Amino acid sequence: MTDLIIAPTKSAVLDDAHVGDIRGALGTIRLDDTAARRGLSAKFKTLLAIVGPGLIVMCGDNDAGAFSTYGQTGQNYGTHLLWVLLLLIPVLYVNQEMVVRLGAVTGVGHGKLIMERFGRFWGAFSVIDLFLLNALTLVTEFIGITLAVGYLGLPKAPSVIAAGAVVVAAASTGSFRRFERVVITLCAGSLLLIPIALMLHPSAGQFAHGFLVPQMPGGGQQSTVMLLVIGLVGTTVAPWQLFFQQSYVIDKRITPRFIKYEKADLWIGIVVVVVGAAAIIGFSAAAVAGGPLAGHFTDAQGLAQGIAAKAGHVAGILFAVALLDSSIIGAFAVSLSTAYAAGDTLGINHSLHRGVKQAKGFYAVYVGLIAVSAAIVLIPGSPLGLITNGVQAMAGVLLPSASVYLLVLCNDKQVLGPWVNGRKTNLFTGSVLAVLVTLSVILTLAVLDPGLTAGQILGVIAACAVLGLGAAGYALLAGRGRRAQRIDRTGAQDWRMPPLSQLGRADMPTSRKIGMSVLRLYLALASVLVVVKIVELALRR
């Protein structure tokens, strides 16, 4: 049986600045250019014009928090956890590929889609989660900037102000192309991690073994290692990435015709993020191997000092510059994802193609977040280390939140038409979601009880596995007897979602409402408990 999809006559794009020529950093594709791409040269030029969203979101993923997490992994556990990065590759691709489709096909941002399809009650939770977590994450980017300039011997306050000015100025010119050129240039700075690794030359054999042989450090460290594994997942799969990439694809005016090129862009970004993460873990391990710093991670500045002690001052400087570069890219991406979401949900102009006068609210959110975050970092006595740890904890707790909405939206035929998920994608994404919920529960319990043992963690995993299997069994029984529908993907390249006003509210089966309500209640309670714990620790200090 085939599920027929009727092509809409009008798209749902909210801001008319999102329609027109694609003016990327490395090329242009005119709106009326409908010719087929034949030959390697034509395809390569098209890819150059499209490159940006996937590369930027992935480089933004290797931000200040990631430097800290990867550095801690290498300094405390060597190359033993490199295998986690390989497991994250399919997770990164599947999640981001789904938002690429949503952006190109719908022309509507993630927050707006959630509110329109599920109602303001459900949408409010998603957007509030994003705003709070992004605000805290942006503070960690400026913490990364202070650590980098501190090592370089630059004055803290002027450097933070200068970095904030760069982040504001690059996005406020009214030229999308100019902004993208600045950020892609910064993305090239990620390559600095490679010469640092070559200067410290970690063991190739240990590197290969760490990637190919899953292992956990022995002794009584399993619970601590498990929490670090969760940190690796949380720093690599973050809610802001979904909101940013979907909105940035829309702002770049990428349509379904160019989805395959955007997927290639995404793969380029994934290679960059995995190579960068592996390099940091590898050279962090090599820098402290056999020395007093092994197993005693403090922060990225301390790691820079360890690198300099092992490989020379130049290596330490390169690491600090790479940290500064990644923190600025992260600041761009996180603040933009928030401003885009605000523009979508509040119904105001929200495009980098517009100048400040044409999108005052959009830029007010963008600049306001940056100003507040920079100010917090400059307040004397601010608990910067506690803020960084708190952000990582909150990101881990909220891991499943955005993924639930993403999976449901990508199965909504009114939203994606012939671009909806296939069965294999749903099975894989459902499994990933179950793992994310399990990791979130473990992290919440560990924050509340730092003495959580490895046995207790295994008990949580077992309980979540039983619940997951029960939910999967119920889903199979509920779908029994229904014939599988084959989606007719004919004409998919020209299909766009119709205006939201023509869609109405998405169907919400009772079982889905119950499941989402339980998950939302858990996330709300867990978030409150984590915040209370963080405040308690701050007061003790």
Protein backbone atom coordinates (compact mmCIF):
# COMPACT_ATOMS: atom_id res chain seq x y z
CA MET A 1 0.00 0.00 0.00
CA THR A 2 1.30 3.47 -0.87
CA ASP A 3 0.71 6.57 1.22
CA LEU A 4 0.13 9.30 -1.36
CA ILE A 5 1.53 12.77 -0.68
CA ILE A 6 -0.05 15.78 -2.37
CA ALA A 7 2.38 18.59 -3.16
CA PRO A 8 1.49 21.95 -1.61
CA THR A 9 1.10 25.01 -3.81
CA LYS A 10 2.71 27.41 -1.32
CA SER A 11 5.52 26.96 1.19
CA ALA A 12 5.46 27.79 4.89
CA VAL A 13 8.60 29.99 5.00
CA LEU A 14 8.06 32.57 7.78
CA ASP A 15 10.56 35.28 6.81
CA ASP A 16 10.78 36.42 3.19
CA ALA A 17 14.53 36.93 3.67
CA HIS A 18 14.72 33.12 3.71
CA VAL A 19 13.78 32.96 0.01
CA GLY A 20 16.22 33.83 -2.78
CA ASP A 21 19.71 33.07 -4.04
CA ILE A 22 22.00 30.88 -1.93
CA ARG A 23 24.93 33.17 -1.14
CA GLY A 24 27.37 30.97 0.69
CA ALA A 25 30.89 31.78 1.79
CA LEU A 26 32.39 29.78 -1.06
CA GLY A 27 29.88 30.23 -3.88
CA THR A 28 26.45 31.31 -5.13
CA ILE A 29 23.47 29.39 -6.49
CA ARG A 30 20.81 31.54 -8.10
CA LEU A 31 17.16 30.93 -7.26
CA ASP A 32 16.32 30.35 -10.94
CA ASP A 33 19.22 27.91 -11.40
CA THR A 34 17.31 24.65 -11.80
CA ALA A 35 19.79 22.89 -14.09
CA ALA A 36 20.88 19.37 -13.22
CA ARG A 37 24.43 19.10 -11.85
CA ARG A 38 26.37 16.98 -14.31
CA GLY A 39 30.07 16.35 -14.06
CA LEU A 40 32.46 16.49 -11.13
CA SER A 41 33.23 20.21 -11.53
CA ALA A 42 29.58 21.30 -11.38
CA LYS A 43 28.88 19.09 -8.38
CA PHE A 44 31.98 20.35 -6.56
CA LYS A 45 31.05 24.01 -7.14
CA THR A 46 27.55 23.29 -5.80
CA LEU A 47 29.00 21.63 -2.73
CA LEU A 48 31.26 24.64 -2.10
CA ALA A 49 28.25 26.96 -2.24
CA ILE A 50 26.27 24.74 0.18
CA VAL A 51 29.09 24.05 2.69
CA GLY A 52 28.48 25.86 5.98
CA PRO A 53 25.63 24.63 8.17
CA GLY A 54 27.04 21.16 8.86
CA LEU A 55 30.64 22.32 9.19
CA ILE A 56 29.78 25.20 11.53
CA VAL A 57 27.46 23.21 13.81
CA MET A 58 30.05 20.46 14.20
CA CYS A 59 32.97 22.86 14.81
CA GLY A 60 30.74 24.66 17.31
CA ASP A 61 30.30 21.28 18.97
CA ASN A 62 34.05 21.17 19.74
CA ASP A 63 33.66 24.24 21.96
CA ALA A 64 35.09 25.23 25.34
CA GLY A 65 33.08 22.56 27.18
CA ALA A 66 34.24 19.93 24.72
CA PHE A 67 37.89 20.92 25.16
CA SER A 68 37.42 20.44 28.90
CA THR A 69 35.66 17.08 28.57
CA TYR A 70 38.06 15.66 25.96
CA GLY A 71 41.07 16.99 27.89
CA GLN A 72 39.82 15.39 31.09
CA THR A 73 39.27 12.10 29.25
CA GLY A 74 42.82 12.01 27.90
CA GLN A 75 44.55 13.32 31.00
CA ASN A 76 42.73 11.00 33.42
CA TYR A 77 42.18 7.86 31.33
CA GLY A 78 44.55 8.04 28.38
CA THR A 79 43.20 6.67 25.11
CA HIS A 80 40.94 4.06 26.75
CA LEU A 81 37.70 5.87 25.84
CA LEU A 82 38.39 6.77 22.21
CA TRP A 83 35.93 4.07 21.13
CA VAL A 84 33.06 6.23 22.45
CA LEU A 85 33.74 8.70 19.62
CA LEU A 86 33.13 6.01 16.99
CA LEU A 87 29.79 5.13 18.59
CA LEU A 88 28.77 8.78 18.46
CA ILE A 89 29.30 9.14 14.70
CA PRO A 90 25.98 7.50 13.63
CA VAL A 91 24.16 9.34 16.44
CA LEU A 92 25.54 12.68 15.26
CA TYR A 93 24.65 11.98 11.65
CA VAL A 94 21.12 10.67 12.18
CA ASN A 95 20.09 13.50 14.51
CA GLN A 96 21.54 16.28 12.37
CA GLU A 97 20.36 14.72 9.10
CA MET A 98 16.81 14.81 10.40
CA VAL A 99 16.99 18.54 11.18
CA VAL A 100 18.56 19.16 7.77
CA ARG A 101 15.45 17.62 6.19
CA LEU A 102 13.14 19.56 8.49
CA GLY A 103 14.85 22.84 7.64
CA ALA A 104 15.07 22.38 3.89
CA VAL A 105 11.55 20.96 3.48
CA THR A 106 9.57 23.11 5.92
CA GLY A 107 11.32 26.49 5.95
CA VAL A 108 10.25 26.77 9.62
CA GLY A 109 12.49 26.66 12.70
CA HIS A 110 12.46 23.86 15.24
CA GLY A 111 10.77 25.77 18.06
CA LYS A 112 7.97 27.08 15.83
CA LEU A 113 7.27 23.61 14.43
CA ILE A 114 7.00 22.13 17.92
CA MET A 115 4.60 24.85 19.09
CA GLU A 116 2.39 24.63 16.00
CA ARG A 117 2.24 20.86 15.78
CA PHE A 118 2.00 19.99 19.49
CA GLY A 119 0.61 23.17 21.00
CA ARG A 120 2.08 25.94 23.12
CA PHE A 121 2.03 23.80 26.27
CA TRP A 122 4.53 21.32 24.81
CA GLY A 123 6.41 23.89 22.76
CA ALA A 124 6.99 26.16 25.75
CA PHE A 125 8.91 23.42 27.58
CA SER A 126 11.19 22.83 24.61
CA VAL A 127 11.95 26.50 24.01
CA ILE A 128 12.41 27.30 27.72
CA ASP A 129 14.84 24.37 28.02
CA LEU A 130 16.78 25.75 25.06
CA PHE A 131 16.90 29.33 26.35
CA LEU A 132 18.09 28.39 29.84
CA LEU A 133 20.64 25.83 28.71
CA ASN A 134 21.96 28.07 25.92
CA ALA A 135 22.40 31.01 28.30
CA LEU A 136 24.48 28.84 30.63
CA THR A 137 26.40 27.25 27.75
CA LEU A 138 27.28 30.68 26.40
CA VAL A 139 28.82 31.53 29.77
CA THR A 140 31.08 28.48 29.43
CA GLU A 141 32.24 29.74 26.01
CA PHE A 142 33.41 32.97 27.63
CA ILE A 143 35.01 30.95 30.43
CA GLY A 144 36.96 29.17 27.69
CA ILE A 145 37.99 32.56 26.29
CA THR A 146 39.27 33.69 29.72
CA LEU A 147 41.29 30.48 30.15
CA ALA A 148 42.83 30.88 26.69
CA VAL A 149 43.77 34.56 27.05
CA GLY A 150 44.99 33.90 30.59
CA TYR A 151 47.51 31.38 29.28
CA LEU A 152 48.52 33.76 26.46
CA GLY A 153 49.18 36.47 29.04
CA LEU A 154 46.50 38.84 27.72
CA PRO A 155 44.39 41.03 30.05
CA LYS A 156 41.11 39.33 30.96
CA ALA A 157 38.51 42.11 30.75
CA PRO A 158 39.67 43.76 27.47
CA SER A 159 40.07 40.34 25.84
CA VAL A 160 36.56 39.18 26.82
CA ILE A 161 35.08 42.47 25.62
CA ALA A 162 37.02 42.25 22.35
CA ALA A 163 35.85 38.66 21.76
CA GLY A 164 32.24 39.66 22.45
CA ALA A 165 32.59 42.58 20.02
CA VAL A 166 33.86 40.22 17.29
CA VAL A 167 30.93 37.84 17.83
CA VAL A 168 28.46 40.74 17.66
CA ALA A 169 30.06 42.61 14.74
CA ALA A 170 30.41 39.59 12.43
CA ALA A 171 26.69 38.78 12.65
CA SER A 172 25.32 42.34 12.49
CA THR A 173 26.32 43.52 9.02
CA GLY A 174 23.18 42.36 7.22
CA SER A 175 25.28 40.09 4.98
CA PHE A 176 24.84 36.35 5.43
CA ARG A 177 27.84 35.67 3.19
CA ARG A 178 30.14 37.94 5.21
CA PHE A 179 29.13 36.21 8.44
CA GLU A 180 29.66 32.74 7.00
CA ARG A 181 33.08 33.66 5.64
CA VAL A 182 34.18 34.82 9.08
CA VAL A 183 32.95 31.67 10.80
CA ILE A 184 34.32 29.24 8.19
CA THR A 185 37.69 30.98 8.50
CA LEU A 186 37.51 30.35 12.24
CA CYS A 187 36.54 26.73 11.54
CA ALA A 188 39.86 26.36 9.73
CA GLY A 189 41.45 27.08 13.12
CA SER A 190 40.26 23.64 14.23
CA LEU A 191 43.12 22.26 12.14
CA LEU A 192 45.57 23.64 14.75
CA LEU A 193 44.80 20.54 16.82
CA ILE A 194 46.56 18.32 14.27
CA PRO A 195 50.07 19.88 14.55
CA ILE A 196 49.73 19.82 18.35
CA ALA A 197 49.08 16.08 18.16
CA LEU A 198 52.07 15.64 15.82
CA MET A 199 54.31 17.59 18.21
CA LEU A 200 53.28 15.33 21.12
CA HIS A 201 53.17 12.21 18.88
CA PRO A 202 50.90 9.93 20.94
CA SER A 203 51.48 6.21 20.42
CA ALA A 204 49.85 5.06 17.18
CA GLY A 205 49.35 1.59 18.64
CA GLN A 206 47.57 2.91 21.74
CA PHE A 207 45.52 5.22 19.54
CA ALA A 208 44.33 2.35 17.33
CA HIS A 209 43.67 0.13 20.35
CA GLY A 210 41.62 2.86 22.04
CA PHE A 211 39.44 3.26 18.95
CA LEU A 212 38.96 -0.38 18.06
CA VAL A 213 38.78 -2.11 21.47
CA PRO A 214 35.98 -0.92 23.80
CA GLN A 215 37.34 -0.87 27.34
CA MET A 216 36.74 0.71 30.74
CA PRO A 217 39.57 1.53 33.17
CA GLY A 218 39.67 -1.08 35.93
CA GLY A 219 39.77 -0.77 39.68
CA GLY A 220 37.05 1.09 41.55
CA GLN A 221 36.63 3.80 38.92
CA GLN A 222 33.70 2.45 36.91
CA SER A 223 31.14 4.93 38.20
CA THR A 224 33.45 7.90 37.59
CA VAL A 225 34.29 6.66 34.12
CA MET A 226 30.61 6.10 33.35
CA LEU A 227 29.85 9.69 34.23
CA LEU A 228 32.64 10.86 31.93
CA VAL A 229 31.22 8.72 29.11
CA ILE A 230 27.90 10.50 29.67
CA GLY A 231 29.80 13.79 29.54
CA LEU A 232 31.29 12.80 26.18
CA VAL A 233 27.81 12.08 24.84
CA GLY A 234 26.36 15.28 26.31
CA THR A 235 29.06 17.52 24.90
CA THR A 236 28.71 15.93 21.45
CA VAL A 237 24.89 15.71 21.21
CA ALA A 238 23.40 18.99 22.46
CA PRO A 239 19.90 20.49 21.97
CA TRP A 240 21.23 23.79 20.61
CA GLN A 241 22.72 21.91 17.63
CA LEU A 242 19.27 20.83 16.44
CA PHE A 243 17.80 24.33 16.68
CA PHE A 244 20.86 25.97 15.11
CA GLN A 245 21.29 23.69 12.12
CA GLN A 246 17.60 23.70 11.17
CA SER A 247 17.38 27.50 11.32
CA TYR A 248 20.73 28.03 9.63
CA VAL A 249 19.76 25.74 6.74
CA ILE A 250 16.61 27.85 6.35
CA ASP A 251 18.50 31.15 6.56
CA LYS A 252 20.95 29.94 3.92
CA ARG A 253 17.91 29.25 1.69
CA ILE A 254 18.74 25.60 1.11
CA THR A 255 15.81 23.73 -0.46
CA PRO A 256 15.13 19.98 -0.89
CA ARG A 257 17.01 20.04 -4.22
CA PHE A 258 20.28 20.42 -2.32
CA ILE A 259 19.72 18.09 0.64
CA LYS A 260 22.27 15.57 -0.64
CA TYR A 261 24.91 18.31 -0.77
CA GLU A 262 24.03 19.44 2.74
CA LYS A 263 24.39 15.83 3.90
CA ALA A 264 27.91 15.88 2.43
CA ASP A 265 28.57 19.14 4.31
CA LEU A 266 27.39 17.42 7.49
CA TRP A 267 29.78 14.52 6.94
CA ILE A 268 32.66 16.98 6.49
CA GLY A 269 31.73 18.54 9.82
CA ILE A 270 31.48 15.15 11.55
CA VAL A 271 34.97 14.19 10.31
CA VAL A 272 36.33 17.50 11.65
CA VAL A 273 34.68 17.08 15.07
CA VAL A 274 35.76 13.45 15.52
CA VAL A 275 39.33 14.09 14.35
CA GLY A 276 39.52 17.12 16.64
CA ALA A 277 38.11 15.24 19.63
CA ALA A 278 40.45 12.30 19.06
CA ALA A 279 43.42 14.66 18.71
CA ILE A 280 42.63 16.38 22.03
CA ILE A 281 42.22 13.07 23.87
CA GLY A 282 45.38 11.66 22.26
CA PHE A 283 47.73 14.58 22.88
CA SER A 284 46.29 15.18 26.36
CA ALA A 285 47.17 11.59 27.24
CA ALA A 286 50.65 11.93 25.72
CA ALA A 287 51.31 15.26 27.46
CA VAL A 288 50.84 13.89 30.98
CA ALA A 289 51.84 10.24 30.54
CA GLY A 290 54.09 9.13 33.39
CA GLY A 291 54.05 12.55 35.03
CA PRO A 292 52.44 14.09 38.13
CA LEU A 293 49.57 15.58 36.10
CA ALA A 294 48.29 12.17 34.95
CA GLY A 295 44.85 11.55 36.44
CA HIS A 296 44.60 15.07 37.92
CA PHE A 297 42.72 17.21 35.41
CA THR A 298 41.95 20.77 36.53
CA ASP A 299 40.96 22.86 33.51
CA ALA A 300 42.00 23.64 29.93
CA GLN A 301 44.57 26.20 31.07
CA GLY A 302 46.24 23.61 33.28
CA LEU A 303 46.27 21.22 30.32
CA ALA A 304 47.93 23.90 28.16
CA GLN A 305 50.68 24.18 30.77
CA GLY A 306 51.13 20.40 30.73
CA ILE A 307 51.35 20.41 26.93
CA ALA A 308 53.97 23.20 27.02
CA ALA A 309 56.01 21.32 29.61
CA LYS A 310 56.10 18.23 27.39
CA ALA A 311 56.32 19.67 23.86
CA GLY A 312 57.48 23.26 24.29
CA HIS A 313 55.96 26.72 24.61
CA VAL A 314 54.81 26.82 20.97
CA ALA A 315 52.59 23.77 21.50
CA GLY A 316 51.02 25.39 24.56
CA ILE A 317 50.34 28.58 22.60
CA LEU A 318 48.77 26.63 19.72
CA PHE A 319 46.48 24.85 22.17
CA ALA A 320 45.41 28.14 23.78
CA VAL A 321 44.74 29.69 20.35
CA ALA A 322 42.71 26.63 19.33
CA LEU A 323 40.70 26.92 22.58
CA LEU A 324 40.07 30.62 21.95
CA ASP A 325 39.04 29.90 18.36
CA SER A 326 36.64 27.10 19.34
CA SER A 327 35.08 29.18 22.13
CA ILE A 328 34.31 32.01 19.71
CA ILE A 329 32.75 29.59 17.19
CA GLY A 330 30.67 28.10 20.02
CA ALA A 331 29.56 31.59 21.07
CA PHE A 332 28.44 32.32 17.50
CA ALA A 333 26.45 29.10 17.18
CA VAL A 334 24.83 28.99 20.64
CA SER A 335 23.73 32.65 20.63
CA LEU A 336 22.41 32.37 17.07
CA SER A 337 20.40 29.24 17.85
CA THR A 338 18.68 31.18 20.65
CA ALA A 339 18.05 34.26 18.51
CA TYR A 340 16.65 32.13 15.69
CA ALA A 341 14.33 30.31 18.11
CA ALA A 342 13.15 33.63 19.56
CA GLY A 343 12.46 34.98 16.09
CA ASP A 344 10.50 31.87 15.12
CA THR A 345 8.37 31.67 18.24
CA LEU A 346 7.76 35.42 18.65
CA GLY A 347 7.01 36.03 14.98
CA ILE A 348 9.71 38.68 14.41
CA ASN A 349 12.16 39.06 11.52
CA HIS A 350 15.05 36.65 12.09
CA SER A 351 17.69 36.45 9.39
CA LEU A 352 21.36 37.28 8.94
CA HIS A 353 20.33 38.65 5.53
CA ARG A 354 18.72 41.54 7.42
CA GLY A 355 20.55 44.41 9.09
CA VAL A 356 19.96 45.55 12.65
CA LYS A 357 17.27 48.06 11.64
CA GLN A 358 15.26 45.37 9.81
CA ALA A 359 15.49 42.77 12.63
CA LYS A 360 15.81 44.67 15.90
CA GLY A 361 14.30 41.95 18.11
CA PHE A 362 16.46 39.22 16.58
CA TYR A 363 19.67 41.14 17.18
CA ALA A 364 18.51 42.31 20.62
CA VAL A 365 18.30 38.67 21.78
CA TYR A 366 21.64 37.86 20.14
CA VAL A 367 23.54 40.82 21.60
CA GLY A 368 21.79 40.62 24.98
CA LEU A 369 22.84 37.01 25.53
CA ILE A 370 26.44 37.75 24.65
CA ALA A 371 26.58 40.85 26.86
CA VAL A 372 25.10 39.07 29.89
CA SER A 373 27.35 36.03 29.49
CA ALA A 374 30.49 38.15 29.17
CA ALA A 375 29.46 40.22 32.19
CA ILE A 376 28.97 37.11 34.36
CA VAL A 377 32.46 35.89 33.52
CA LEU A 378 33.95 39.27 34.45
CA ILE A 379 32.24 39.44 37.87
CA PRO A 380 34.97 38.96 40.51
CA GLY A 381 34.54 35.72 42.45
CA SER A 382 32.07 34.15 39.99
CA PRO A 383 32.06 30.33 40.48
CA LEU A 384 33.21 29.66 36.90
CA GLY A 385 34.24 26.06 37.55
CA LEU A 386 30.88 25.31 39.17
CA ILE A 387 29.03 26.92 36.25
CA THR A 388 30.95 24.74 33.78
CA ASN A 389 30.18 21.57 35.72
CA GLY A 390 26.55 22.65 36.14
CA VAL A 391 26.11 23.19 32.40
CA GLN A 392 27.53 19.76 31.63
CA ALA A 393 25.18 18.20 34.20
CA MET A 394 22.11 20.03 32.84
CA ALA A 395 23.01 19.15 29.25
CA GLY A 396 23.24 15.49 30.22
CA VAL A 397 19.93 15.56 32.09
CA LEU A 398 18.12 17.23 29.17
CA LEU A 399 19.64 14.96 26.50
CA PRO A 400 16.34 13.21 25.58
CA SER A 401 14.18 16.35 25.46
CA ALA A 402 14.84 17.66 21.96
CA SER A 403 15.29 14.18 20.46
CA VAL A 404 11.70 13.18 21.31
CA TYR A 405 10.19 16.11 19.41
CA LEU A 406 12.63 15.57 16.55
CA LEU A 407 11.63 11.94 16.09
CA VAL A 408 7.90 12.73 16.18
CA LEU A 409 8.23 15.63 13.72
CA CYS A 410 10.19 13.48 11.28
CA ASN A 411 7.30 11.00 11.20
CA ASP A 412 4.68 13.71 10.58
CA LYS A 413 3.57 13.30 6.96
CA GLN A 414 1.91 16.72 6.88
CA VAL A 415 5.25 18.30 7.82
CA LEU A 416 7.71 16.25 5.74
CA GLY A 417 5.53 14.60 3.11
CA PRO A 418 7.75 12.28 1.05
CA TRP A 419 10.73 13.13 3.28
CA VAL A 420 9.44 11.37 6.42
CA ASN A 421 11.62 8.83 8.23
CA GLY A 422 11.91 5.32 6.97
CA ARG A 423 11.51 2.31 9.28
CA LYS A 424 15.27 1.76 9.77
CA THR A 425 15.81 5.39 10.77
CA ASN A 426 12.97 5.15 13.29
CA LEU A 427 14.33 1.94 14.82
CA PHE A 428 17.81 3.39 15.18
CA THR A 429 16.61 6.75 16.52
CA GLY A 430 14.25 5.05 18.97
CA SER A 431 17.16 2.98 20.30
CA VAL A 432 19.33 6.10 20.63
CA LEU A 433 16.53 7.85 22.50
CA ALA A 434 16.28 4.95 24.96
CA VAL A 435 20.04 5.16 25.60
CA LEU A 436 19.85 8.95 26.09
CA VAL A 437 17.06 8.56 28.67
CA THR A 438 19.13 5.95 30.52
CA LEU A 439 22.22 8.18 30.54
CA SER A 440 20.13 11.12 31.72
CA VAL A 441 18.75 9.13 34.66
CA ILE A 442 22.25 7.95 35.65
CA LEU A 443 23.65 11.47 35.51
CA THR A 444 20.77 12.90 37.56
CA LEU A 445 21.30 10.28 40.27
CA ALA A 446 25.06 10.86 40.23
CA VAL A 447 24.64 14.61 40.71
CA LEU A 448 22.31 14.00 43.66
CA ASP A 449 24.49 11.23 45.11
CA PRO A 450 28.19 11.59 44.17
CA GLY A 451 28.85 8.24 45.87
CA LEU A 452 26.84 6.31 43.28
CA THR A 453 28.48 2.92 42.83
CA ALA A 454 29.11 0.92 39.67
CA GLY A 455 26.61 -1.70 40.86
CA GLN A 456 23.90 0.92 41.28
CA ILE A 457 24.64 2.26 37.79
CA LEU A 458 24.28 -1.23 36.33
CA GLY A 459 20.98 -1.59 38.21
CA VAL A 460 19.69 1.65 36.63
CA ILE A 461 20.76 0.43 33.19
CA ALA A 462 18.97 -2.89 33.74
CA ALA A 463 15.77 -1.20 34.94
CA CYS A 464 15.75 1.21 31.98
CA ALA A 465 16.38 -1.70 29.61
CA VAL A 466 13.36 -3.57 30.98
CA LEU A 467 11.18 -0.46 30.63
CA GLY A 468 12.51 0.13 27.13
CA LEU A 469 11.78 -3.41 26.02
CA GLY A 470 8.30 -3.11 27.50
CA ALA A 471 7.65 0.10 25.57
CA ALA A 472 8.97 -1.48 22.36
CA GLY A 473 6.74 -4.53 22.88
CA TYR A 474 3.71 -2.31 23.41
CA ALA A 475 4.52 -0.38 20.22
CA LEU A 476 4.77 -3.62 18.24
CA LEU A 477 1.48 -4.93 19.62
CA ALA A 478 -0.27 -1.61 18.99
CA GLY A 479 0.86 -1.66 15.38
CA ARG A 480 -0.04 -5.31 14.81
CA GLY A 481 -2.42 -5.92 12.02
CA ARG A 482 -1.75 -2.63 10.31
CA ARG A 483 -0.24 -2.99 6.91
CA ALA A 484 3.07 -1.20 6.42
CA GLN A 485 2.67 1.84 4.24
CA ARG A 486 5.24 2.66 1.61
CA ILE A 487 5.86 6.36 1.19
CA ASP A 488 5.66 7.57 -2.38
CA ARG A 489 8.80 9.72 -2.72
CA THR A 490 8.09 10.76 -6.30
CA GLY A 491 8.78 14.46 -6.81
CA ALA A 492 10.39 14.82 -3.39
CA GLN A 493 12.89 17.45 -4.59
CA ASP A 494 10.07 19.90 -5.33
CA TRP A 495 7.95 19.18 -2.24
CA ARG A 496 7.73 21.86 0.49
CA MET A 497 5.55 21.94 3.58
CA PRO A 498 2.42 24.07 3.08
CA PRO A 499 1.75 27.08 5.36
CA LEU A 500 1.29 26.08 9.00
CA SER A 501 -2.21 27.58 8.99
CA GLN A 502 -3.27 24.83 6.56
CA LEU A 503 -2.02 21.94 8.69
CA GLY A 504 -3.88 22.16 11.97
CA ARG A 505 -2.72 20.33 15.09
CA ALA A 506 -0.86 17.02 14.84
CA ASP A 507 -2.62 13.87 16.04
CA MET A 508 -1.46 12.86 19.53
CA PRO A 509 -2.42 9.28 20.45
CA THR A 510 -3.13 8.73 24.13
CA SER A 511 -0.09 6.46 24.51
CA ARG A 512 2.17 9.17 23.10
CA LYS A 513 0.66 11.83 25.38
CA ILE A 514 1.24 9.61 28.41
CA GLY A 515 4.82 8.81 27.38
CA MET A 516 5.70 12.43 26.68
CA SER A 517 4.02 13.58 29.91
CA VAL A 518 6.02 11.09 31.98
CA LEU A 519 9.26 12.12 30.25
CA ARG A 520 8.51 15.81 30.69
CA LEU A 521 7.66 15.35 34.37
CA TYR A 522 10.92 13.49 34.91
CA LEU A 523 12.97 16.13 33.07
CA ALA A 524 11.31 18.96 35.01
CA LEU A 525 11.92 17.31 38.39
CA ALA A 526 15.45 16.26 37.49
CA SER A 527 16.32 19.77 36.29
CA VAL A 528 15.02 21.33 39.50
CA LEU A 529 16.93 18.83 41.64
CA VAL A 530 20.16 19.45 39.72
CA VAL A 531 19.77 23.23 40.01
CA VAL A 532 19.11 22.94 43.77
CA LYS A 533 22.23 20.79 44.12
CA ILE A 534 24.36 23.28 42.19
CA VAL A 535 23.06 26.21 44.27
CA GLU A 536 23.75 24.24 47.44
CA LEU A 537 27.35 23.65 46.35
CA ALA A 538 27.74 27.33 45.46
CA LEU A 539 26.51 28.42 48.90
CA ARG A 540 28.93 26.04 50.60
CA ARG A 541 31.78 27.66 48.74
